[in-house]
Protein backbone atom coordinates (compact mmCIF):
# COMPACT_ATOMS: atom_id res chain seq x y z
CA MET A 1 -38.40 8.89 -32.26
CA SER A 2 -40.52 6.94 -29.81
CA PHE A 3 -39.33 3.48 -28.82
CA ASN A 4 -39.66 1.01 -25.99
CA GLN A 5 -36.99 1.89 -23.45
CA ARG A 6 -35.03 -0.95 -21.93
CA THR A 7 -36.21 -2.59 -18.74
CA VAL A 8 -33.03 -4.64 -18.35
CA THR A 9 -29.48 -4.54 -19.73
CA CYS A 10 -27.98 -7.15 -22.04
CA GLY A 11 -25.83 -8.57 -19.27
CA GLU A 12 -28.48 -8.77 -16.59
CA LEU A 13 -30.82 -11.62 -17.44
CA ASN A 14 -30.69 -15.01 -15.71
CA LEU A 15 -33.05 -17.85 -14.79
CA SER A 16 -34.91 -15.66 -12.27
CA TYR A 17 -36.39 -13.71 -15.21
CA VAL A 18 -37.85 -16.75 -16.98
CA GLY A 19 -41.46 -16.07 -18.07
CA LYS A 20 -41.16 -12.29 -17.76
CA GLU A 21 -41.51 -9.80 -20.59
CA VAL A 22 -38.47 -7.56 -20.97
CA VAL A 23 -37.22 -4.81 -23.28
CA LEU A 24 -33.61 -4.77 -24.46
CA ASN A 25 -31.89 -1.88 -26.27
CA GLY A 26 -28.50 -2.31 -27.91
CA TRP A 27 -26.41 -3.14 -30.97
CA VAL A 28 -26.67 -6.21 -33.21
CA HIS A 29 -23.54 -8.19 -32.38
CA ARG A 30 -24.33 -11.24 -34.52
CA ASN A 31 -27.30 -12.21 -36.72
CA ARG A 32 -27.79 -15.86 -37.70
CA ASN A 33 -30.73 -16.91 -39.85
CA HIS A 34 -31.36 -20.68 -39.87
CA GLY A 35 -34.76 -20.56 -41.55
CA ALA A 36 -37.24 -21.71 -38.91
CA LEU A 37 -34.91 -20.42 -36.19
CA HIS A 38 -33.36 -16.97 -36.21
CA PHE A 39 -30.76 -15.99 -33.59
CA ILE A 40 -29.76 -12.38 -32.86
CA ASN A 41 -27.13 -11.47 -30.31
CA ILE A 42 -27.85 -8.00 -28.93
CA ARG A 43 -25.05 -6.18 -27.10
CA ASP A 44 -24.56 -3.24 -24.79
CA ARG A 45 -21.71 -2.40 -22.41
CA TYR A 46 -23.10 -4.81 -19.82
CA GLY A 47 -23.01 -7.95 -21.96
CA ILE A 48 -24.75 -9.96 -24.70
CA THR A 49 -28.19 -11.56 -24.74
CA GLN A 50 -29.38 -14.07 -27.32
CA VAL A 51 -32.70 -13.16 -28.94
CA VAL A 52 -34.55 -15.87 -30.85
CA LEU A 53 -37.36 -16.03 -33.39
CA ASP A 54 -38.96 -19.44 -34.09
CA GLU A 55 -41.46 -20.93 -36.51
CA LYS A 56 -44.32 -19.26 -34.58
CA SER A 57 -42.95 -15.75 -35.06
CA ASP A 58 -45.08 -13.67 -37.46
CA THR A 59 -43.89 -12.75 -40.95
CA THR A 60 -43.42 -9.04 -40.19
CA LEU A 61 -41.10 -9.88 -37.30
CA GLN A 62 -39.19 -12.37 -39.45
CA ASN A 63 -38.77 -9.77 -42.19
CA THR A 64 -37.46 -7.18 -39.74
CA ALA A 65 -35.00 -9.70 -38.28
CA SER A 66 -33.75 -10.58 -41.79
CA GLU A 67 -33.07 -6.90 -42.46
CA LEU A 68 -30.72 -6.58 -39.48
CA LYS A 69 -26.98 -6.16 -40.03
CA MET A 70 -24.12 -5.94 -37.57
CA GLU A 71 -24.11 -2.80 -35.38
CA TYR A 72 -27.69 -1.83 -36.18
CA VAL A 73 -29.20 -0.28 -33.05
CA ILE A 74 -32.40 -2.09 -32.09
CA SER A 75 -35.04 -2.37 -29.40
CA VAL A 76 -36.31 -5.87 -28.66
CA THR A 77 -39.39 -6.78 -26.63
CA GLY A 78 -39.85 -10.42 -25.69
CA ILE A 79 -40.34 -13.18 -23.14
CA VAL A 80 -37.39 -14.67 -21.26
CA ARG A 81 -37.16 -18.44 -21.50
CA LYS A 82 -34.71 -21.10 -20.40
CA ARG A 83 -32.41 -22.48 -23.07
CA PRO A 84 -32.44 -26.23 -23.74
CA ASP A 85 -29.68 -27.92 -21.71
CA SER A 86 -27.78 -28.75 -24.91
CA MET A 87 -27.71 -25.07 -25.90
CA ILE A 88 -26.58 -23.51 -22.62
CA ASN A 89 -23.56 -21.26 -23.27
CA THR A 90 -21.32 -21.26 -20.19
CA GLY A 91 -19.11 -18.61 -21.80
CA MET A 92 -21.86 -15.98 -21.47
CA THR A 93 -23.23 -14.55 -18.24
CA THR A 94 -26.67 -14.76 -19.87
CA GLY A 95 -25.95 -18.17 -21.37
CA GLU A 96 -28.73 -20.04 -19.54
CA ILE A 97 -31.55 -17.99 -21.05
CA GLU A 98 -32.72 -16.43 -24.29
CA VAL A 99 -35.42 -13.93 -25.20
CA LEU A 100 -38.22 -15.00 -27.54
CA ALA A 101 -38.90 -11.76 -29.44
CA ASN A 102 -42.40 -10.48 -30.12
CA LYS A 103 -41.31 -7.03 -31.32
CA ILE A 104 -38.14 -5.63 -32.92
CA ASP A 105 -37.67 -1.94 -33.75
CA ILE A 106 -34.71 -0.65 -35.76
CA LEU A 107 -33.55 2.55 -34.08
CA ALA A 108 -30.48 3.24 -36.26
CA LYS A 109 -28.69 1.57 -39.16
CA SER A 110 -24.96 1.08 -39.65
CA ASP A 111 -22.70 1.33 -42.68
CA ILE A 112 -20.34 -1.53 -43.56
CA LEU A 113 -17.84 -1.80 -40.71
CA PRO A 114 -14.13 -1.02 -41.27
CA PHE A 115 -13.33 -3.86 -38.84
CA MET A 116 -15.20 -6.38 -36.72
CA ILE A 117 -16.45 -5.42 -33.28
CA ASP A 118 -15.31 -8.24 -31.01
CA ASP A 119 -13.36 -8.88 -27.80
CA GLU A 120 -10.28 -7.33 -29.43
CA THR A 121 -9.52 -6.28 -32.99
CA ASN A 122 -6.44 -7.00 -35.08
CA ALA A 123 -6.91 -3.83 -37.13
CA ASN A 124 -3.89 -1.56 -37.34
CA GLU A 125 -3.55 1.26 -34.85
CA ASP A 126 -4.40 4.18 -37.14
CA LEU A 127 -7.57 2.45 -38.33
CA ARG A 128 -8.59 1.79 -34.74
CA LEU A 129 -7.93 5.43 -33.82
CA LYS A 130 -9.72 6.79 -36.93
CA TYR A 131 -12.82 4.79 -35.94
CA ARG A 132 -12.20 4.99 -32.20
CA PHE A 133 -15.95 5.28 -31.52
CA LEU A 134 -16.24 1.76 -32.97
CA ASP A 135 -13.09 0.43 -31.32
CA LEU A 136 -14.48 1.56 -27.94
CA ARG A 137 -17.46 -0.79 -28.45
CA SER A 138 -15.17 -3.85 -28.24
CA PHE A 139 -15.35 -5.77 -24.98
CA GLY A 140 -11.60 -5.40 -24.47
CA MET A 141 -11.74 -1.61 -24.59
CA GLN A 142 -14.95 -1.46 -22.56
CA LYS A 143 -13.38 -3.68 -19.90
CA ARG A 144 -10.32 -1.44 -19.70
CA ILE A 145 -12.31 1.79 -19.61
CA LYS A 146 -14.40 0.28 -16.82
CA LEU A 147 -11.21 -0.64 -14.94
CA ARG A 148 -10.02 2.95 -15.32
CA HIS A 149 -13.31 4.16 -13.86
CA GLU A 150 -13.06 1.70 -10.96
CA PHE A 151 -9.43 2.69 -10.35
CA ILE A 152 -10.26 6.39 -10.04
CA LYS A 153 -13.39 5.66 -8.00
CA SER A 154 -11.45 3.59 -5.46
CA VAL A 155 -8.63 6.17 -5.29
CA ARG A 156 -11.12 8.90 -4.51
CA HIS A 157 -12.86 6.80 -1.87
CA PHE A 158 -9.59 5.95 -0.13
CA LEU A 159 -8.30 9.53 -0.08
CA TYR A 160 -11.64 10.95 1.07
CA GLU A 161 -11.51 8.54 4.01
CA GLU A 162 -7.93 9.69 4.74
CA GLY A 163 -9.09 13.29 5.03
CA PHE A 164 -7.86 14.66 1.70
CA TYR A 165 -9.52 17.56 -0.09
CA GLU A 166 -9.98 17.23 -3.85
CA ILE A 167 -9.00 20.65 -5.23
CA GLU A 168 -8.71 21.68 -8.89
CA THR A 169 -5.81 23.81 -10.07
CA PRO A 170 -5.71 25.95 -13.24
CA THR A 171 -5.09 24.57 -16.72
CA LEU A 172 -4.16 27.98 -18.14
CA ILE A 173 -0.96 28.87 -16.31
CA ARG A 174 2.34 30.71 -16.59
CA SER A 175 4.98 28.98 -18.71
CA THR A 176 7.73 27.74 -16.39
CA PRO A 177 10.72 25.47 -17.13
CA GLU A 178 9.86 22.00 -15.81
CA GLY A 179 11.75 19.69 -18.16
CA ALA A 180 9.59 19.10 -21.25
CA ARG A 181 8.33 21.66 -23.74
CA ASP A 182 5.17 23.51 -22.83
CA TYR A 183 2.02 23.59 -24.94
CA LEU A 184 1.38 27.31 -25.36
CA VAL A 185 -2.01 29.01 -25.63
CA PRO A 186 -1.98 32.52 -27.20
CA SER A 187 -3.93 35.25 -25.47
CA ARG A 188 -6.36 37.19 -27.65
CA LYS A 189 -6.73 39.95 -25.08
CA TYR A 190 -3.00 40.44 -24.53
CA PRO A 191 -1.26 40.25 -27.93
CA GLY A 192 2.11 38.51 -27.90
CA GLU A 193 1.49 36.92 -24.50
CA PHE A 194 0.76 33.27 -23.81
CA TYR A 195 -0.67 30.89 -21.30
CA ALA A 196 0.79 27.40 -20.98
CA LEU A 197 -0.96 24.11 -20.32
CA PRO A 198 0.41 22.54 -17.12
CA GLN A 199 3.04 19.81 -17.36
CA SER A 200 1.91 19.05 -13.80
CA PRO A 201 0.24 21.02 -10.99
CA GLN A 202 3.62 21.11 -9.17
CA LEU A 203 3.77 24.77 -8.15
CA TYR A 204 0.06 25.09 -7.41
CA LYS A 205 0.01 22.11 -5.07
CA GLN A 206 2.96 23.61 -3.20
CA LEU A 207 1.06 26.89 -2.95
CA LEU A 208 -1.91 24.95 -1.55
CA MET A 209 0.37 23.69 1.21
CA VAL A 210 1.38 27.29 1.95
CA SER A 211 -2.36 28.05 2.01
CA GLY A 212 -2.93 25.53 4.79
CA TYR A 213 -4.69 22.72 2.87
CA ASP A 214 -2.45 20.04 4.29
CA LYS A 215 -3.95 17.07 2.42
CA TYR A 216 -4.68 17.75 -1.23
CA PHE A 217 -5.25 15.61 -4.31
CA GLN A 218 -6.76 15.83 -7.75
CA ILE A 219 -7.12 13.68 -10.83
CA ALA A 220 -5.07 16.08 -12.91
CA ARG A 221 -4.80 16.51 -16.66
CA CYS A 222 -1.21 17.23 -17.71
CA TYR A 223 0.36 18.23 -21.02
CA ARG A 224 3.90 17.79 -22.32
CA ASP A 225 5.07 18.55 -25.82
CA GLU A 226 7.41 15.59 -26.18
CA ASP A 227 7.71 12.57 -28.45
CA ALA A 228 5.10 9.90 -27.80
CA ARG A 229 5.89 6.27 -26.94
CA GLY A 230 4.02 3.25 -25.59
CA ASP A 231 3.59 4.60 -22.07
CA ARG A 232 3.59 8.31 -22.94
CA GLN A 233 1.05 10.69 -24.55
CA PRO A 234 1.07 14.47 -25.13
CA GLU A 235 -1.84 14.72 -22.69
CA PHE A 236 -2.18 12.36 -19.79
CA THR A 237 -3.77 11.97 -16.37
CA GLN A 238 -2.08 11.68 -13.01
CA LEU A 239 -3.18 11.34 -9.42
CA ASP A 240 -1.58 14.45 -7.96
CA LEU A 241 -1.12 14.37 -4.21
CA GLU A 242 0.57 16.62 -1.63
CA MET A 243 0.75 16.70 2.17
CA SER A 244 2.16 19.09 4.78
CA PHE A 245 4.22 18.25 7.89
CA VAL A 246 5.35 14.90 6.49
CA ASN A 247 8.59 13.07 5.76
CA ARG A 248 9.40 10.49 3.11
CA GLU A 249 8.18 7.62 5.24
CA ASP A 250 4.73 9.19 5.58
CA VAL A 251 4.32 9.50 1.80
CA LEU A 252 5.57 5.99 1.06
CA SER A 253 3.40 4.44 3.74
CA LEU A 254 0.27 6.22 2.49
CA MET A 255 0.89 5.11 -1.10
CA GLU A 256 1.42 1.50 -0.05
CA LYS A 257 -1.92 1.53 1.75
CA LEU A 258 -3.56 3.22 -1.23
CA PHE A 259 -2.39 0.66 -3.77
CA VAL A 260 -3.12 -2.30 -1.51
CA TYR A 261 -6.69 -0.97 -1.25
CA VAL A 262 -7.08 -0.09 -4.95
CA PHE A 263 -5.76 -3.42 -6.28
CA LYS A 264 -8.03 -5.37 -3.95
CA GLU A 265 -11.08 -3.25 -4.77
CA THR A 266 -10.65 -3.16 -8.54
CA ILE A 267 -9.10 -6.48 -9.60
CA ASN A 268 -9.25 -8.48 -6.34
CA TYR A 269 -5.46 -8.79 -6.21
CA SER A 270 -3.67 -8.87 -2.85
CA LEU A 271 -0.48 -6.84 -2.67
CA PRO A 272 1.98 -7.09 0.24
CA ALA A 273 1.50 -4.45 2.93
CA HIS A 274 4.95 -2.99 2.25
CA PHE A 275 6.96 -2.73 -0.95
CA ARG A 276 10.65 -3.51 -1.32
CA ARG A 277 12.97 -0.48 -1.20
CA ILE A 278 16.09 -0.24 -3.36
CA ASP A 279 18.47 2.69 -3.48
CA TYR A 280 19.17 4.15 -6.92
CA LYS A 281 22.79 3.01 -7.15
CA THR A 282 21.95 -0.58 -6.14
CA ALA A 283 19.10 -0.68 -8.65
CA MET A 284 21.38 0.46 -11.46
CA ASN A 285 24.21 -1.91 -10.52
CA THR A 286 21.92 -4.91 -9.98
CA TYR A 287 19.25 -4.49 -12.67
CA GLY A 288 20.69 -1.89 -15.05
CA THR A 289 17.76 0.49 -14.59
CA ASP A 290 16.03 2.66 -12.01
CA LYS A 291 12.73 0.98 -12.92
CA PRO A 292 13.52 -2.73 -12.56
CA ASP A 293 11.12 -5.54 -13.38
CA LEU A 294 11.41 -7.79 -10.32
CA ARG A 295 9.22 -10.56 -11.73
CA PHE A 296 12.36 -12.43 -12.82
CA ASP A 297 15.87 -12.77 -11.40
CA CYS A 298 18.83 -12.44 -13.81
CA GLU A 299 20.84 -9.89 -11.82
CA LEU A 300 23.83 -8.12 -13.36
CA VAL A 301 27.30 -9.31 -12.35
CA ASP A 302 30.32 -7.05 -11.88
CA PHE A 303 32.80 -8.46 -14.40
CA LYS A 304 35.59 -5.87 -14.24
CA ASP A 305 37.99 -8.01 -12.14
CA ILE A 306 37.59 -10.92 -14.56
CA ILE A 307 38.30 -8.69 -17.55
CA ASP A 308 41.44 -7.30 -15.89
CA LYS A 309 42.80 -10.85 -15.43
CA SER A 310 41.89 -11.91 -18.97
CA ASP A 311 43.63 -11.55 -22.34
CA TYR A 312 40.82 -9.32 -23.61
CA GLU A 313 43.00 -6.23 -24.16
CA THR A 314 40.46 -4.21 -26.15
CA PHE A 315 37.92 -4.58 -23.32
CA LYS A 316 40.33 -3.55 -20.55
CA LYS A 317 39.95 0.09 -21.63
CA ASN A 318 36.42 0.01 -20.21
CA LYS A 319 36.25 1.39 -16.70
CA TYR A 320 33.03 -0.52 -16.02
CA VAL A 321 32.18 -4.05 -17.14
CA LYS A 322 28.99 -6.00 -16.43
CA ALA A 323 27.97 -9.53 -17.28
CA VAL A 324 24.41 -10.73 -17.87
CA VAL A 325 23.74 -14.47 -17.75
CA ALA A 326 20.94 -15.98 -19.80
CA HIS A 327 19.94 -18.73 -17.37
CA GLU A 328 17.52 -21.55 -18.05
CA GLY A 329 18.20 -21.27 -21.75
CA LYS A 330 18.39 -24.25 -24.03
CA GLU A 331 21.08 -24.44 -26.69
CA GLN A 332 18.55 -23.99 -29.48
CA ASP A 333 17.35 -20.72 -27.97
CA PHE A 334 20.73 -19.14 -28.60
CA THR A 335 21.18 -19.17 -32.36
CA ARG A 336 23.96 -17.10 -33.89
CA LYS A 337 21.32 -14.69 -35.21
CA TYR A 338 19.87 -14.26 -31.72
CA LEU A 339 23.28 -13.75 -30.09
CA ASP A 340 24.26 -11.16 -32.67
CA SER A 341 20.94 -9.35 -32.20
CA MET A 342 22.28 -8.11 -28.86
CA ASN A 343 24.61 -5.84 -30.84
CA GLU A 344 21.57 -3.75 -31.81
CA ILE A 345 21.30 -2.82 -28.13
CA ALA A 346 25.01 -1.96 -28.00
CA VAL A 347 24.65 0.61 -30.80
CA GLN A 348 22.12 2.57 -28.73
CA TYR A 349 24.82 3.16 -26.09
CA ASN A 350 27.70 4.00 -28.46
CA MET A 351 29.21 0.53 -28.25
CA ASP A 352 30.35 -1.59 -31.18
CA TYR A 353 29.19 -5.01 -30.02
CA ILE A 354 28.36 -7.25 -27.06
CA PRO A 355 30.69 -10.26 -26.83
CA TYR A 356 29.46 -13.50 -25.30
CA ILE A 357 30.55 -16.82 -23.84
CA LYS A 358 28.52 -20.00 -24.34
CA VAL A 359 28.87 -22.48 -21.49
CA SER A 360 28.90 -26.20 -22.30
CA GLU A 361 30.19 -29.42 -20.79
CA THR A 362 33.25 -29.30 -23.04
CA GLY A 363 34.19 -25.74 -22.05
CA PHE A 364 33.61 -22.22 -23.28
CA THR A 365 32.76 -21.27 -26.85
CA GLY A 366 31.53 -18.05 -28.42
CA SER A 367 32.94 -14.75 -29.60
CA ALA A 368 34.82 -13.97 -26.37
CA ALA A 369 35.76 -17.46 -25.17
CA LYS A 370 39.38 -17.36 -26.38
CA TYR A 371 40.23 -14.47 -24.06
CA PHE A 372 39.45 -16.32 -20.83
CA ASN A 373 41.81 -19.30 -20.76
CA LYS A 374 42.39 -20.57 -17.19
CA LEU A 375 39.57 -18.33 -15.87
CA GLU A 376 36.70 -20.75 -16.47
CA LYS A 377 36.24 -21.83 -12.83
CA GLU A 378 36.40 -18.24 -11.61
CA ILE A 379 33.85 -17.12 -14.21
CA LEU A 380 31.46 -19.96 -13.39
CA LYS A 381 31.69 -19.11 -9.68
CA CYS A 382 31.22 -15.40 -10.33
CA THR A 383 28.26 -15.77 -12.67
CA GLU A 384 26.73 -19.05 -11.41
CA ALA A 385 26.38 -20.01 -15.09
CA LYS A 386 25.46 -23.60 -15.95
CA ASN A 387 25.68 -25.76 -19.05
CA GLY A 388 23.58 -24.26 -21.83
CA ASP A 389 23.75 -20.71 -20.44
CA VAL A 390 25.19 -17.71 -22.26
CA ILE A 391 27.19 -14.93 -20.60
CA PHE A 392 26.90 -11.54 -22.30
CA ILE A 393 29.63 -9.00 -21.51
CA ILE A 394 28.96 -5.25 -21.52
CA GLY A 395 31.71 -2.66 -21.06
CA HIS A 396 31.76 1.13 -21.13
CA THR A 397 33.81 4.06 -19.87
CA ASP A 398 30.61 5.58 -18.48
CA TRP A 399 29.02 3.83 -15.47
CA LYS A 400 25.44 4.80 -16.25
CA LYS A 401 25.63 3.79 -19.92
CA CYS A 402 27.24 0.47 -18.95
CA CYS A 403 24.41 -0.24 -16.50
CA LEU A 404 21.66 0.85 -18.89
CA CYS A 405 23.00 -1.29 -21.74
CA ALA A 406 23.31 -4.32 -19.45
CA GLY A 407 19.80 -3.63 -18.19
CA ALA A 408 18.46 -3.61 -21.75
CA VAL A 409 20.13 -6.99 -22.35
CA ARG A 410 18.60 -8.30 -19.12
CA SER A 411 15.16 -7.10 -20.18
CA LYS A 412 15.45 -8.75 -23.60
CA ILE A 413 16.53 -12.04 -22.01
CA GLY A 414 13.59 -11.94 -19.59
CA LYS A 415 11.07 -11.46 -22.42
CA ASP A 416 12.67 -13.76 -25.00
CA LEU A 417 13.18 -16.67 -22.61
CA LYS A 418 9.76 -16.13 -20.98
CA LEU A 419 11.27 -15.77 -17.50
CA ILE A 420 8.78 -13.11 -16.39
CA LYS A 421 6.28 -14.39 -13.83
CA GLU A 422 2.64 -13.33 -13.76
CA GLY A 423 1.44 -10.83 -11.18
CA PHE A 424 2.58 -7.44 -9.94
CA GLU A 425 5.90 -6.61 -8.27
CA PHE A 426 6.18 -3.15 -6.74
CA CYS A 427 9.30 -1.53 -5.34
CA TRP A 428 10.44 1.90 -4.23
CA ILE A 429 13.58 3.42 -5.74
CA VAL A 430 15.08 5.92 -3.29
CA ASP A 431 18.23 8.01 -2.79
CA PHE A 432 18.37 9.39 -6.32
CA PRO A 433 21.05 11.93 -7.19
CA LEU A 434 19.57 15.40 -6.85
CA PHE A 435 21.49 16.69 -9.89
CA SER A 436 22.74 15.34 -13.21
CA TYR A 437 25.27 17.04 -15.45
CA ASN A 438 24.13 18.18 -18.88
CA GLU A 439 27.16 17.53 -21.08
CA ASP A 440 25.66 19.32 -24.08
CA GLU A 441 24.87 22.55 -22.24
CA GLY A 442 27.72 22.34 -19.72
CA HIS A 443 25.82 22.79 -16.45
CA TRP A 444 24.05 20.90 -13.68
CA GLU A 445 20.31 20.32 -13.84
CA ALA A 446 17.73 18.73 -11.55
CA GLU A 447 17.36 14.95 -11.81
CA HIS A 448 13.59 15.20 -11.09
CA HIS A 449 12.76 18.91 -10.73
CA MET A 450 14.20 21.97 -9.01
CA PHE A 451 11.76 21.92 -6.09
CA SER A 452 13.00 18.69 -4.50
CA MET A 453 14.69 18.78 -1.11
CA PRO A 454 18.33 17.61 -0.84
CA GLN A 455 18.98 15.12 1.93
CA GLU A 456 20.04 16.99 5.05
CA GLN A 457 23.65 15.77 5.16
CA TYR A 458 24.38 17.37 1.77
CA ILE A 459 22.97 20.86 2.34
CA ASP A 460 26.32 22.40 3.35
CA THR A 461 28.14 20.99 0.29
CA LEU A 462 25.58 21.64 -2.43
CA GLU A 463 27.69 24.07 -4.44
CA SER A 464 31.10 22.44 -3.87
CA ASP A 465 30.08 18.92 -4.94
CA PRO A 466 26.68 18.80 -6.69
CA GLY A 467 27.36 15.40 -8.23
CA SER A 468 27.41 13.61 -4.87
CA VAL A 469 24.20 15.16 -3.52
CA LYS A 470 21.32 12.76 -2.94
CA GLY A 471 17.80 14.10 -2.98
CA ASP A 472 14.84 13.23 -0.82
CA LEU A 473 13.35 11.68 -3.96
CA TYR A 474 11.41 8.48 -4.51
CA ASP A 475 9.89 6.61 -7.45
CA LEU A 476 7.32 3.84 -7.30
CA VAL A 477 8.04 1.10 -9.85
CA CYS A 478 5.84 -1.80 -10.92
CA ASN A 479 6.69 -4.52 -13.45
CA GLY A 480 9.46 -2.47 -15.03
CA TYR A 481 7.49 0.78 -15.32
CA GLU A 482 7.91 3.95 -13.31
CA CYS A 483 4.34 4.51 -12.17
CA ALA A 484 4.82 7.34 -9.65
CA SER A 485 7.44 9.94 -8.83
CA GLY A 486 7.68 12.25 -5.87
CA SER A 487 9.82 14.05 -3.33
CA ILE A 488 9.90 16.06 -0.17
CA ARG A 489 9.85 19.66 -1.36
CA ILE A 490 11.96 22.69 -0.56
CA HIS A 491 10.04 25.18 1.57
CA ASP A 492 12.86 27.63 2.37
CA VAL A 493 13.39 30.66 0.09
CA GLU A 494 17.19 30.77 0.37
CA LEU A 495 17.64 27.03 -0.17
CA GLN A 496 15.37 27.19 -3.20
CA LYS A 497 17.49 30.02 -4.65
CA ARG A 498 20.67 27.99 -4.12
CA ILE A 499 19.17 25.08 -6.06
CA PHE A 500 18.15 27.45 -8.87
CA ARG A 501 21.71 28.83 -9.09
CA ILE A 502 23.25 25.35 -9.28
CA CYS A 503 20.82 24.58 -12.12
CA ASN A 504 22.11 27.62 -14.04
CA LEU A 505 19.17 29.85 -13.13
CA SER A 506 20.24 33.28 -11.91
CA ASP A 507 18.43 35.11 -9.13
CA GLU A 508 16.96 37.48 -11.73
CA GLU A 509 15.69 34.62 -13.91
CA ALA A 510 14.36 32.77 -10.88
CA GLU A 511 12.46 35.84 -9.77
CA LYS A 512 11.02 36.30 -13.26
CA LYS A 513 9.94 32.68 -13.65
CA PHE A 514 9.15 31.61 -10.08
CA GLY A 515 8.77 34.86 -8.17
CA PHE A 516 5.20 34.04 -7.13
CA LEU A 517 6.38 30.81 -5.45
CA LEU A 518 9.38 32.47 -3.74
CA ASN A 519 7.11 35.24 -2.51
CA ALA A 520 4.67 32.71 -1.03
CA PHE A 521 7.54 30.98 0.83
CA LYS A 522 8.21 34.24 2.69
CA TYR A 523 4.89 33.92 4.51
CA GLY A 524 5.33 30.70 6.43
CA ALA A 525 5.64 27.64 4.20
CA PRO A 526 5.26 24.32 6.02
CA PRO A 527 7.49 21.30 5.31
CA HIS A 528 5.66 19.33 2.65
CA GLY A 529 6.00 16.53 0.13
CA GLY A 530 4.02 14.55 -2.35
CA ILE A 531 3.88 12.17 -5.24
CA ALA A 532 2.06 11.75 -8.55
CA PRO A 533 1.15 8.27 -9.84
CA GLY A 534 0.24 8.13 -13.53
CA VAL A 535 -3.38 7.00 -13.89
CA ASP A 536 -2.98 5.90 -17.51
CA ARG A 537 0.17 3.92 -16.79
CA MET A 538 -1.23 2.25 -13.67
CA VAL A 539 -4.39 1.10 -15.49
CA MET A 540 -2.21 -0.09 -18.38
CA ILE A 541 -0.16 -2.21 -15.97
CA MET A 542 -3.23 -3.56 -14.17
CA SER A 543 -4.86 -4.56 -17.46
CA GLU A 544 -1.60 -6.17 -18.66
CA GLN A 545 -1.23 -3.93 -21.70
CA THR A 546 1.96 -2.39 -23.10
CA SER A 547 0.55 0.91 -24.36
CA ILE A 548 -1.46 3.55 -22.52
CA LYS A 549 -3.46 4.03 -25.73
CA GLU A 550 -5.32 0.87 -24.70
CA VAL A 551 -6.71 2.53 -21.55
CA ILE A 552 -7.46 6.05 -22.86
CA ALA A 553 -10.76 6.72 -24.58
CA PHE A 554 -9.43 9.05 -27.27
CA PRO A 555 -5.62 8.93 -27.45
CA LYS A 556 -3.26 10.38 -30.04
CA ASN A 557 -1.12 8.15 -32.25
CA SER A 558 2.67 7.88 -32.14
CA PHE A 559 2.97 11.18 -34.02
CA ALA A 560 0.75 13.06 -31.53
CA VAL A 561 -2.07 13.10 -34.10
CA SER A 562 -5.71 12.08 -33.72
CA PRO A 563 -6.76 10.34 -36.99
CA MET A 564 -10.42 10.43 -35.93
CA ASP A 565 -10.85 14.23 -35.94
CA ASP A 566 -7.66 15.13 -37.83
CA CYS A 567 -6.14 16.99 -34.92
CA PRO A 568 -3.97 19.10 -34.88
CA ASN A 569 -5.37 21.05 -37.80
CA THR A 570 -5.08 24.48 -39.39
CA VAL A 571 -7.36 27.34 -38.40
CA ASP A 572 -8.74 30.13 -40.54
CA GLU A 573 -7.02 33.48 -41.00
CA LYS A 574 -9.65 35.33 -38.96
CA GLN A 575 -8.80 33.30 -35.85
CA LEU A 576 -5.09 33.91 -36.37
CA GLU A 577 -5.68 37.65 -36.82
CA GLU A 578 -7.66 37.81 -33.57
CA LEU A 579 -4.70 36.18 -31.81
CA HIS A 580 -2.17 38.43 -33.60
CA ILE A 581 -0.39 35.38 -35.01
CA ILE A 582 1.30 35.06 -38.40
CA ILE A 583 2.40 31.65 -39.72
CA LYS A 584 5.87 32.28 -41.16
CA ASP A 585 6.13 29.14 -43.32
CA LYS A 586 2.85 27.59 -44.36
CA GLU A 587 4.61 24.84 -46.31
CA PHE A 588 6.41 23.31 -43.31
CA LYS A 589 4.18 20.19 -43.38
């Protein structure tokens, strides 16, 4: 098909083009026929331009314009003219001009749309994903995909200037235990053997440090066979970064400079030069999470001493008790239904309910008020509660569950009472435990992964007291999301073996699974460390979305399925035979 190719984009024209002939190519966004006047909005990813036909336009042109429907692809040739002052549209970048058409060619027609193409759509998620090629035409999606592009572009520019090499690592690798399930790829050439898709480039970037490439990064595709959620997908993208001859401070400082640069370049937002640092235990005790949203206050209060002095006998069995105060609330915000809704959070942490105290000028009321006679002044001093506030009380025999439940209450209060300020609040969470105990399997396992360095003061007591060991680990948190995780790595063979043993991995198993890494460490491995910010999650945060699906071109749904191309799908018997695979139960779906 021959057609007039565009000379300008649909977001480019302004008063400087008045009187010039131009060619626009794009999609029909709106088509309004007012008889003598006919208005067509033509759209591409750069913007919208209004095309007009008037009483002087010939009949053939008028007939073609009348035939147009939304999302037809057209080519328009015409003269740019200034709009009358009364018709200037300040909401459009091209709102001061319009194009008087002298030729319109229809390049492609469109079926009836399943939903409107606009700034955003209110269609349900599966419909949006089934017709993702249409959803991606919306200005909201195009804006976010552009932001993603700008984010990666600015990251690359910054790291190139810092002397980093961008190096690709394999996507067909050996299956190694890294936390989540691997996606396996059967080998046709070697029956019964499998590749795995990388959960991260962790081992390869460490090998690159052994190889002498002391500043490495890549925009890495990663794959984890785990349940999806708002900020998680089976395949995702991370900025993978590693450096040699560094300590924790070097990594944190570099990342602060990186994000200050990226936020300024992409969304013109000024971040502070340094981010707040909070140790893991303080974060849990103060905010009830290791990824706190610092855009609102509402800190947790230690309430155990108050409980011990009270008449609340059933609550005294709890070793840990926290209080969360709903400040700035008005009485009408705290209906009985709302207060009882907190019990839904309690169930998630094996608790029966969350009692509460309502503070008023006449004293305490609420489900727990009767247990605190003569303790009112002490409670008000402890919690800084005021008239109209509600004090929620969370108790548990397990410290972590108590903190997490209180943190979930805090988060709900922040959202429901609209306490969360606009903007971006970063912080570093440091001094994580190196190990956590797996109650179900009865052994210690790595809190992050088995390649993280323990802090030096714990190296001699690793085996005797794993629970007290702190790792040289660090997470970057923004607005309540973990957006990067990293550590200084182990580079000593014997120390790495000790960590494997503590994590219930024998020397024989370690050699089988990680022998190539241990072998490399025998040939002069430098001290090294790194971090991996999630690209999808960072762009989601920057664009003020709550799901990474909104910043990925072709995501899966919440069941790890792509409605657009019906993936995953079955394959024919010939392919299975070539791979030496038999499906045992074909009715499992």
